[in-house]
């Protein structure tokens, strides 16, 4: 990997019993390496996102790149993985919060028992008209269609519909948006809602567990279910659990992580 970075790791985020979570790369940088280096490392790691962490005073600069070498403005699971590694490797004491400087503002991570807690911004959902043919692209007829700053946000009638979606990835790839969040209320009492996330335009056909999507999912379902603390299940092949606490203009995303190993 060369002298430009200190270490490279792989971590599974938002894991739970029966859920493998979402793999993320974490690259701890010794100094600023340039974006070409970040792209090459992210492509080599092959995770949906790799977090690049560079110490900056008492905080850390954090950026995220996809396995296709594309930079994204916000990523939950790779932020969780980055915080987990900083604590696990003893670079930050476990009782200390971690502050990340990012393109989406300052993000803070803290420990809560086995959980990593991320303080993220709320993503507002604006209703939009149904000009896109979601039946053709996703095989669904949404009961609500909206957009966040990043993604289309689609609600359907049941979690069975969410779990059975078979997207037309080639068509989705041509839509100018980061991704598509599809969600429904959960029929399983263990969870409040289920979701899936598709982002072929940035090289991720389906993301296993998408923390940043829950910046919109949490507030949306909080309003409907009249609850501030919710549990979301992302119904990908791997599966993952995101616990969400909705505050006024912030959301706390909570999840567990598992160390996978070092990357040569």
C-alpha atoms as a PDB file:
ATOM      1  CA  UNK A   1       0.000   0.000   0.000  1.00  0.00           C
ATOM      2  CA  UNK A   2       3.004   2.289   0.384  1.00  0.00           C
ATOM      3  CA  UNK A   3       4.000   4.900   2.911  1.00  0.00           C
ATOM      4  CA  UNK A   4       1.104   7.187   2.180  1.00  0.00           C
ATOM      5  CA  UNK A   5      -1.233   5.527   4.680  1.00  0.00           C
ATOM      6  CA  UNK A   6      -0.723   3.975   8.072  1.00  0.00           C
ATOM      7  CA  UNK A   7      -3.104   1.021   7.892  1.00  0.00           C
ATOM      8  CA  UNK A   8      -6.043  -0.456   6.006  1.00  0.00           C
ATOM      9  CA  UNK A   9      -8.801  -2.513   7.627  1.00  0.00           C
ATOM     10  CA  UNK A  10     -12.153  -4.103   6.854  1.00  0.00           C
ATOM     11  CA  UNK A  11     -15.105  -3.934   9.262  1.00  0.00           C
ATOM     12  CA  UNK A  12     -18.719  -5.127   9.056  1.00  0.00           C
ATOM     13  CA  UNK A  13     -21.133  -2.450  10.304  1.00  0.00           C
ATOM     14  CA  UNK A  14     -24.717  -2.652  11.587  1.00  0.00           C
ATOM     15  CA  UNK A  15     -24.372  -6.356  12.320  1.00  0.00           C
ATOM     16  CA  UNK A  16     -26.843  -8.280  14.480  1.00  0.00           C
ATOM     17  CA  UNK A  17     -27.857 -11.875  15.107  1.00  0.00           C
ATOM     18  CA  UNK A  18     -28.656 -13.387  11.719  1.00  0.00           C
ATOM     19  CA  UNK A  19     -27.410 -10.234   9.932  1.00  0.00           C
ATOM     20  CA  UNK A  20     -23.994  -9.874   8.335  1.00  0.00           C
ATOM     21  CA  UNK A  21     -24.191  -6.103   8.073  1.00  0.00           C
ATOM     22  CA  UNK A  22     -22.333  -3.957   5.560  1.00  0.00           C
ATOM     23  CA  UNK A  23     -18.582  -4.328   4.909  1.00  0.00           C
ATOM     24  CA  UNK A  24     -16.574  -1.111   4.928  1.00  0.00           C
ATOM     25  CA  UNK A  25     -12.944  -0.324   4.358  1.00  0.00           C
ATOM     26  CA  UNK A  26     -11.138   1.968   6.801  1.00  0.00           C
ATOM     27  CA  UNK A  27      -7.888   3.621   5.724  1.00  0.00           C
ATOM     28  CA  UNK A  28      -5.977   5.484   8.424  1.00  0.00           C
ATOM     29  CA  UNK A  29      -3.810   8.056   6.664  1.00  0.00           C
ATOM     30  CA  UNK A  30      -0.456   9.344   7.883  1.00  0.00           C
ATOM     31  CA  UNK A  31      -0.750  12.477   5.730  1.00  0.00           C
ATOM     32  CA  UNK A  32      -2.758  13.853   2.803  1.00  0.00           C
ATOM     33  CA  UNK A  33      -2.269  11.414  -0.116  1.00  0.00           C
ATOM     34  CA  UNK A  34      -4.391  12.953  -2.877  1.00  0.00           C
ATOM     35  CA  UNK A  35      -7.657  11.713  -4.331  1.00  0.00           C
ATOM     36  CA  UNK A  36      -6.114   9.343  -6.888  1.00  0.00           C
ATOM     37  CA  UNK A  37      -4.669   7.334  -4.008  1.00  0.00           C
ATOM     38  CA  UNK A  38      -8.064   7.241  -2.275  1.00  0.00           C
ATOM     39  CA  UNK A  39      -9.802   6.060  -5.449  1.00  0.00           C
ATOM     40  CA  UNK A  40      -7.263   3.295  -6.052  1.00  0.00           C
ATOM     41  CA  UNK A  41      -7.529   2.046  -2.467  1.00  0.00           C
ATOM     42  CA  UNK A  42     -11.350   2.128  -2.490  1.00  0.00           C
ATOM     43  CA  UNK A  43     -11.454   0.160  -5.743  1.00  0.00           C
ATOM     44  CA  UNK A  44      -8.982  -2.361  -4.362  1.00  0.00           C
ATOM     45  CA  UNK A  45     -10.857  -2.843  -1.076  1.00  0.00           C
ATOM     46  CA  UNK A  46     -14.068  -3.497  -3.037  1.00  0.00           C
ATOM     47  CA  UNK A  47     -16.464  -2.563  -0.212  1.00  0.00           C
ATOM     48  CA  UNK A  48     -19.429  -0.359  -1.038  1.00  0.00           C
ATOM     49  CA  UNK A  49     -17.532   2.466   0.715  1.00  0.00           C
ATOM     50  CA  UNK A  50     -14.107   2.966   2.212  1.00  0.00           C
ATOM     51  CA  UNK A  51     -13.567   5.628   4.879  1.00  0.00           C
ATOM     52  CA  UNK A  52     -10.361   7.668   4.713  1.00  0.00           C
ATOM     53  CA  UNK A  53      -9.373   9.068   8.094  1.00  0.00           C
ATOM     54  CA  UNK A  54      -6.735  11.775   8.623  1.00  0.00           C
ATOM     55  CA  UNK A  55      -5.965  13.239  12.060  1.00  0.00           C
ATOM     56  CA  UNK A  56      -6.519  17.003  12.230  1.00  0.00           C
ATOM     57  CA  UNK A  57      -5.751  18.402  15.689  1.00  0.00           C
ATOM     58  CA  UNK A  58      -8.184  16.859  18.152  1.00  0.00           C
ATOM     59  CA  UNK A  59     -10.554  15.785  15.367  1.00  0.00           C
ATOM     60  CA  UNK A  60     -10.287  13.703  12.193  1.00  0.00           C
ATOM     61  CA  UNK A  61     -10.949  14.605   8.587  1.00  0.00           C
ATOM     62  CA  UNK A  62     -13.175  11.925   7.052  1.00  0.00           C
ATOM     63  CA  UNK A  63     -14.034  11.238   3.416  1.00  0.00           C
ATOM     64  CA  UNK A  64     -15.740   8.289   1.750  1.00  0.00           C
ATOM     65  CA  UNK A  65     -15.153   6.684  -1.656  1.00  0.00           C
ATOM     66  CA  UNK A  66     -17.146   3.865  -3.267  1.00  0.00           C
ATOM     67  CA  UNK A  67     -15.779   0.686  -4.805  1.00  0.00           C
ATOM     68  CA  UNK A  68     -16.169   2.468  -8.146  1.00  0.00           C
ATOM     69  CA  UNK A  69     -13.855   5.274  -7.010  1.00  0.00           C
ATOM     70  CA  UNK A  70     -16.676   7.821  -6.590  1.00  0.00           C
ATOM     71  CA  UNK A  71     -16.678  10.176  -3.599  1.00  0.00           C
ATOM     72  CA  UNK A  72     -19.938  10.438  -1.637  1.00  0.00           C
ATOM     73  CA  UNK A  73     -21.014  13.251   0.696  1.00  0.00           C
ATOM     74  CA  UNK A  74     -22.337  11.116   3.544  1.00  0.00           C
ATOM     75  CA  UNK A  75     -21.936   7.477   4.601  1.00  0.00           C
ATOM     76  CA  UNK A  76     -23.137   5.930   7.838  1.00  0.00           C
ATOM     77  CA  UNK A  77     -21.725   2.419   7.856  1.00  0.00           C
ATOM     78  CA  UNK A  78     -18.179   3.483   6.919  1.00  0.00           C
ATOM     79  CA  UNK A  79     -18.272   6.222   9.586  1.00  0.00           C
ATOM     80  CA  UNK A  80     -19.306   3.615  12.148  1.00  0.00           C
ATOM     81  CA  UNK A  81     -16.454   1.395  10.948  1.00  0.00           C
ATOM     82  CA  UNK A  82     -13.942   4.260  11.164  1.00  0.00           C
ATOM     83  CA  UNK A  83     -14.928   5.080  14.751  1.00  0.00           C
ATOM     84  CA  UNK A  84     -14.813   1.384  15.687  1.00  0.00           C
ATOM     85  CA  UNK A  85     -11.242   1.062  14.361  1.00  0.00           C
ATOM     86  CA  UNK A  86     -10.008   4.211  16.136  1.00  0.00           C
ATOM     87  CA  UNK A  87     -11.239   2.783  19.450  1.00  0.00           C
ATOM     88  CA  UNK A  88     -10.187  -0.823  18.747  1.00  0.00           C
ATOM     89  CA  UNK A  89      -6.641   0.169  17.788  1.00  0.00           C
ATOM     90  CA  UNK A  90      -6.243   2.384  20.845  1.00  0.00           C
ATOM     91  CA  UNK A  91      -5.919   5.626  18.898  1.00  0.00           C
ATOM     92  CA  UNK A  92      -8.830   7.057  20.895  1.00  0.00           C
ATOM     93  CA  UNK A  93      -9.813   5.993  24.411  1.00  0.00           C
ATOM     94  CA  UNK A  94     -13.094   4.090  24.455  1.00  0.00           C
ATOM     95  CA  UNK A  95     -14.731   6.603  26.804  1.00  0.00           C
ATOM     96  CA  UNK A  96     -13.900   9.524  24.501  1.00  0.00           C
ATOM     97  CA  UNK A  97     -16.105  10.852  21.707  1.00  0.00           C
ATOM     98  CA  UNK A  98     -14.709  11.140  18.180  1.00  0.00           C
ATOM     99  CA  UNK A  99     -15.296  14.228  16.051  1.00  0.00           C
ATOM    100  CA  UNK A 100     -15.162  13.872  12.260  1.00  0.00           C
ATOM    101  CA  UNK A 101     -14.950  16.815   9.850  1.00  0.00           C
ATOM    102  CA  UNK A 102     -16.825  15.859   6.670  1.00  0.00           C
ATOM    103  CA  UNK A 103     -18.541  17.285   3.595  1.00  0.00           C
ATOM    104  CA  UNK A 104     -21.798  16.935   5.555  1.00  0.00           C
ATOM    105  CA  UNK A 105     -20.527  18.926   8.520  1.00  0.00           C
ATOM    106  CA  UNK A 106     -19.205  17.735  11.868  1.00  0.00           C
ATOM    107  CA  UNK A 107     -20.236  14.188  12.782  1.00  0.00           C
ATOM    108  CA  UNK A 108     -19.691  12.806  16.284  1.00  0.00           C
ATOM    109  CA  UNK A 109     -19.325   9.154  17.321  1.00  0.00           C
ATOM    110  CA  UNK A 110     -19.508   7.745  20.840  1.00  0.00           C
ATOM    111  CA  UNK A 111     -19.710   4.358  22.523  1.00  0.00           C
ATOM    112  CA  UNK A 112     -22.864   3.081  24.219  1.00  0.00           C
ATOM    113  CA  UNK A 113     -22.048  -0.392  25.484  1.00  0.00           C
ATOM    114  CA  UNK A 114     -21.570  -2.598  22.414  1.00  0.00           C
ATOM    115  CA  UNK A 115     -23.175   0.034  20.180  1.00  0.00           C
ATOM    116  CA  UNK A 116     -21.497   2.779  18.212  1.00  0.00           C
ATOM    117  CA  UNK A 117     -23.679   5.904  18.233  1.00  0.00           C
ATOM    118  CA  UNK A 118     -23.395   8.363  15.342  1.00  0.00           C
ATOM    119  CA  UNK A 119     -24.765  11.920  15.546  1.00  0.00           C
ATOM    120  CA  UNK A 120     -25.919  12.719  11.987  1.00  0.00           C
ATOM    121  CA  UNK A 121     -28.028  15.450  10.354  1.00  0.00           C
ATOM    122  CA  UNK A 122     -31.705  14.897   9.586  1.00  0.00           C
ATOM    123  CA  UNK A 123     -32.443  14.462   5.875  1.00  0.00           C
ATOM    124  CA  UNK A 124     -35.651  16.279   4.923  1.00  0.00           C
ATOM    125  CA  UNK A 125     -37.981  14.514   2.470  1.00  0.00           C
ATOM    126  CA  UNK A 126     -39.842  16.648  -0.054  1.00  0.00           C
ATOM    127  CA  UNK A 127     -42.823  15.096  -1.873  1.00  0.00           C
ATOM    128  CA  UNK A 128     -42.423  14.862  -5.648  1.00  0.00           C
ATOM    129  CA  UNK A 129     -44.799  13.885  -8.423  1.00  0.00           C
ATOM    130  CA  UNK A 130     -44.636  10.417  -9.939  1.00  0.00           C
ATOM    131  CA  UNK A 131     -43.135  11.220 -13.326  1.00  0.00           C
ATOM    132  CA  UNK A 132     -40.743   8.266 -13.150  1.00  0.00           C
ATOM    133  CA  UNK A 133     -42.077   4.810 -13.977  1.00  0.00           C
ATOM    134  CA  UNK A 134     -41.219   2.994 -10.752  1.00  0.00           C
ATOM    135  CA  UNK A 135     -43.246  -0.036 -11.821  1.00  0.00           C
ATOM    136  CA  UNK A 136     -40.851  -0.486 -14.728  1.00  0.00           C
ATOM    137  CA  UNK A 137     -37.685   0.314 -12.763  1.00  0.00           C
ATOM    138  CA  UNK A 138     -38.485  -1.411  -9.456  1.00  0.00           C
ATOM    139  CA  UNK A 139     -41.705  -3.328 -10.022  1.00  0.00           C
ATOM    140  CA  UNK A 140     -43.559  -1.249  -7.426  1.00  0.00           C
ATOM    141  CA  UNK A 141     -46.313   1.356  -7.202  1.00  0.00           C
ATOM    142  CA  UNK A 142     -45.298   3.693  -4.350  1.00  0.00           C
ATOM    143  CA  UNK A 143     -47.958   5.110  -2.048  1.00  0.00           C
ATOM    144  CA  UNK A 144     -45.598   8.017  -1.339  1.00  0.00           C
ATOM    145  CA  UNK A 145     -42.815   9.425  -3.509  1.00  0.00           C
ATOM    146  CA  UNK A 146     -40.322  11.945  -2.173  1.00  0.00           C
ATOM    147  CA  UNK A 147     -36.731  13.102  -2.501  1.00  0.00           C
ATOM    148  CA  UNK A 148     -34.010  13.866   0.008  1.00  0.00           C
ATOM    149  CA  UNK A 149     -30.857  15.823  -0.807  1.00  0.00           C
ATOM    150  CA  UNK A 150     -29.378  12.551  -2.061  1.00  0.00           C
ATOM    151  CA  UNK A 151     -32.035   9.981  -2.936  1.00  0.00           C
ATOM    152  CA  UNK A 152     -35.544   9.134  -4.081  1.00  0.00           C
ATOM    153  CA  UNK A 153     -37.635   8.018  -1.106  1.00  0.00           C
ATOM    154  CA  UNK A 154     -40.427   5.540  -1.886  1.00  0.00           C
ATOM    155  CA  UNK A 155     -42.979   4.064   0.504  1.00  0.00           C
ATOM    156  CA  UNK A 156     -44.940   0.918  -0.368  1.00  0.00           C
ATOM    157  CA  UNK A 157     -47.847  -0.929   1.243  1.00  0.00           C
ATOM    158  CA  UNK A 158     -46.032  -3.881   2.831  1.00  0.00           C
ATOM    159  CA  UNK A 159     -42.630  -5.218   3.816  1.00  0.00           C
ATOM    160  CA  UNK A 160     -43.276  -8.198   1.524  1.00  0.00           C
ATOM    161  CA  UNK A 161     -43.196  -5.825  -1.438  1.00  0.00           C
ATOM    162  CA  UNK A 162     -39.887  -4.368  -0.196  1.00  0.00           C
ATOM    163  CA  UNK A 163     -38.304  -7.800   0.219  1.00  0.00           C
ATOM    164  CA  UNK A 164     -39.416  -9.014  -3.235  1.00  0.00           C
ATOM    165  CA  UNK A 165     -38.209  -6.052  -5.319  1.00  0.00           C
ATOM    166  CA  UNK A 166     -36.243  -7.019  -8.412  1.00  0.00           C
ATOM    167  CA  UNK A 167     -34.816  -3.760  -9.812  1.00  0.00           C
ATOM    168  CA  UNK A 168     -33.910  -2.945 -13.382  1.00  0.00           C
ATOM    169  CA  UNK A 169     -30.430  -1.723 -12.483  1.00  0.00           C
ATOM    170  CA  UNK A 170     -29.569  -0.569 -15.976  1.00  0.00           C
ATOM    171  CA  UNK A 171     -32.552   1.800 -16.028  1.00  0.00           C
ATOM    172  CA  UNK A 172     -31.923   2.996 -12.458  1.00  0.00           C
ATOM    173  CA  UNK A 173     -28.320   3.768 -13.371  1.00  0.00           C
ATOM    174  CA  UNK A 174     -29.479   6.435 -15.816  1.00  0.00           C
ATOM    175  CA  UNK A 175     -31.505   8.426 -13.250  1.00  0.00           C
ATOM    176  CA  UNK A 176     -29.615  11.475 -11.897  1.00  0.00           C
ATOM    177  CA  UNK A 177     -29.712  10.666  -8.174  1.00  0.00           C
ATOM    178  CA  UNK A 178     -27.444   8.937  -5.664  1.00  0.00           C
ATOM    179  CA  UNK A 179     -29.926   6.186  -4.952  1.00  0.00           C
ATOM    180  CA  UNK A 180     -33.410   4.871  -4.212  1.00  0.00           C
ATOM    181  CA  UNK A 181     -34.713   4.179  -0.709  1.00  0.00           C
ATOM    182  CA  UNK A 182     -37.733   1.829  -0.632  1.00  0.00           C
ATOM    183  CA  UNK A 183     -39.471   1.329   2.705  1.00  0.00           C
ATOM    184  CA  UNK A 184     -42.573  -0.054   4.440  1.00  0.00           C
ATOM    185  CA  UNK A 185     -43.850  -0.583   7.948  1.00  0.00           C
ATOM    186  CA  UNK A 186     -42.584  -3.865   9.398  1.00  0.00           C
ATOM    187  CA  UNK A 187     -44.928  -6.789   9.978  1.00  0.00           C
ATOM    188  CA  UNK A 188     -42.320  -8.205  12.378  1.00  0.00           C
ATOM    189  CA  UNK A 189     -42.800  -6.706  15.864  1.00  0.00           C
ATOM    190  CA  UNK A 190     -39.024  -6.721  16.396  1.00  0.00           C
ATOM    191  CA  UNK A 191     -38.702  -3.868  13.886  1.00  0.00           C
ATOM    192  CA  UNK A 192     -40.587  -0.654  13.197  1.00  0.00           C
ATOM    193  CA  UNK A 193     -39.819  -0.465   9.472  1.00  0.00           C
ATOM    194  CA  UNK A 194     -37.910  -2.250   6.728  1.00  0.00           C
ATOM    195  CA  UNK A 195     -36.020  -0.799   3.793  1.00  0.00           C
ATOM    196  CA  UNK A 196     -33.747  -1.506   0.864  1.00  0.00           C
ATOM    197  CA  UNK A 197     -31.348   0.826  -0.930  1.00  0.00           C
ATOM    198  CA  UNK A 198     -30.284   0.778  -4.588  1.00  0.00           C
ATOM    199  CA  UNK A 199     -27.546   3.048  -5.994  1.00  0.00           C
ATOM    200  CA  UNK A 200     -26.270   1.753  -9.357  1.00  0.00           C
ATOM    201  CA  UNK A 201     -25.407   5.299 -10.511  1.00  0.00           C
ATOM    202  CA  UNK A 202     -22.519   5.328  -7.994  1.00  0.00           C
ATOM    203  CA  UNK A 203     -21.547   1.711  -8.647  1.00  0.00           C
ATOM    204  CA  UNK A 204     -23.599   0.020  -5.885  1.00  0.00           C
ATOM    205  CA  UNK A 205     -26.502  -2.011  -7.238  1.00  0.00           C
ATOM    206  CA  UNK A 206     -27.771  -2.764  -3.734  1.00  0.00           C
ATOM    207  CA  UNK A 207     -26.159  -1.524  -0.541  1.00  0.00           C
ATOM    208  CA  UNK A 208     -26.377  -4.091   2.286  1.00  0.00           C
ATOM    209  CA  UNK A 209     -27.050  -1.556   5.075  1.00  0.00           C
ATOM    210  CA  UNK A 210     -27.224   2.205   4.493  1.00  0.00           C
ATOM    211  CA  UNK A 211     -26.781   4.317   7.599  1.00  0.00           C
ATOM    212  CA  UNK A 212     -27.229   7.636   5.803  1.00  0.00           C
ATOM    213  CA  UNK A 213     -30.624   6.531   4.419  1.00  0.00           C
ATOM    214  CA  UNK A 214     -31.818   6.291   8.016  1.00  0.00           C
ATOM    215  CA  UNK A 215     -31.305  10.054   8.383  1.00  0.00           C
ATOM    216  CA  UNK A 216     -34.525  10.212   6.351  1.00  0.00           C
ATOM    217  CA  UNK A 217     -36.103   6.881   7.322  1.00  0.00           C
ATOM    218  CA  UNK A 218     -35.942   7.594  11.050  1.00  0.00           C
ATOM    219  CA  UNK A 219     -37.751  10.966  10.992  1.00  0.00           C
ATOM    220  CA  UNK A 220     -40.278   9.718   8.404  1.00  0.00           C
ATOM    221  CA  UNK A 221     -41.373   6.718  10.474  1.00  0.00           C
ATOM    222  CA  UNK A 222     -41.099   8.677  13.728  1.00  0.00           C
ATOM    223  CA  UNK A 223     -43.809  11.033  12.450  1.00  0.00           C
ATOM    224  CA  UNK A 224     -46.044   8.163  11.348  1.00  0.00           C
ATOM    225  CA  UNK A 225     -45.554   5.876  14.360  1.00  0.00           C
ATOM    226  CA  UNK A 226     -45.238   8.682  16.947  1.00  0.00           C
ATOM    227  CA  UNK A 227     -42.030   7.204  18.326  1.00  0.00           C
ATOM    228  CA  UNK A 228     -38.624   8.797  18.890  1.00  0.00           C
ATOM    229  CA  UNK A 229     -36.714   5.513  19.177  1.00  0.00           C
ATOM    230  CA  UNK A 230     -37.090   3.075  16.297  1.00  0.00           C
ATOM    231  CA  UNK A 231     -35.487  -0.076  14.962  1.00  0.00           C
ATOM    232  CA  UNK A 232     -34.982  -0.426  11.224  1.00  0.00           C
ATOM    233  CA  UNK A 233     -34.216  -3.644   9.374  1.00  0.00           C
ATOM    234  CA  UNK A 234     -32.515  -3.354   5.977  1.00  0.00           C
ATOM    235  CA  UNK A 235     -33.760  -6.354   4.034  1.00  0.00           C
ATOM    236  CA  UNK A 236     -30.771  -6.934   1.764  1.00  0.00           C
ATOM    237  CA  UNK A 237     -29.275 -10.381   1.221  1.00  0.00           C
ATOM    238  CA  UNK A 238     -26.819  -9.661   4.060  1.00  0.00           C
ATOM    239  CA  UNK A 239     -29.302  -7.884   6.317  1.00  0.00           C
ATOM    240  CA  UNK A 240     -28.592  -5.302   8.972  1.00  0.00           C
ATOM    241  CA  UNK A 241     -30.092  -3.481  11.955  1.00  0.00           C
ATOM    242  CA  UNK A 242     -30.003   0.288  12.453  1.00  0.00           C
ATOM    243  CA  UNK A 243     -31.393   1.721  15.683  1.00  0.00           C
ATOM    244  CA  UNK A 244     -32.499   5.326  15.280  1.00  0.00           C
ATOM    245  CA  UNK A 245     -33.199   8.013  17.867  1.00  0.00           C
ATOM    246  CA  UNK A 246     -34.831  11.079  16.332  1.00  0.00           C
ATOM    247  CA  UNK A 247     -33.952  14.470  17.810  1.00  0.00           C
ATOM    248  CA  UNK A 248     -35.049  17.931  16.616  1.00  0.00           C
ATOM    249  CA  UNK A 249     -32.680  18.367  13.656  1.00  0.00           C
ATOM    250  CA  UNK A 250     -30.340  15.427  14.245  1.00  0.00           C
ATOM    251  CA  UNK A 251     -30.634  11.657  14.289  1.00  0.00           C
ATOM    252  CA  UNK A 252     -28.626   9.211  16.348  1.00  0.00           C
ATOM    253  CA  UNK A 253     -27.787   6.085  14.354  1.00  0.00           C
ATOM    254  CA  UNK A 254     -26.819   3.121  16.519  1.00  0.00           C
ATOM    255  CA  UNK A 255     -25.270  -0.169  15.479  1.00  0.00           C
ATOM    256  CA  UNK A 256     -22.704  -2.810  16.216  1.00  0.00           C
ATOM    257  CA  UNK A 257     -19.536  -3.577  14.295  1.00  0.00           C
ATOM    258  CA  UNK A 258     -17.311  -6.619  13.831  1.00  0.00           C
ATOM    259  CA  UNK A 259     -13.639  -6.520  12.895  1.00  0.00           C
ATOM    260  CA  UNK A 260     -12.972  -8.520   9.737  1.00  0.00           C
ATOM    261  CA  UNK A 261      -9.226  -8.036   9.346  1.00  0.00           C
ATOM    262  CA  UNK A 262      -6.368  -6.068   7.879  1.00  0.00           C
ATOM    263  CA  UNK A 263      -6.138  -5.547   4.136  1.00  0.00           C
ATOM    264  CA  UNK A 264      -2.722  -6.120   2.542  1.00  0.00           C
END
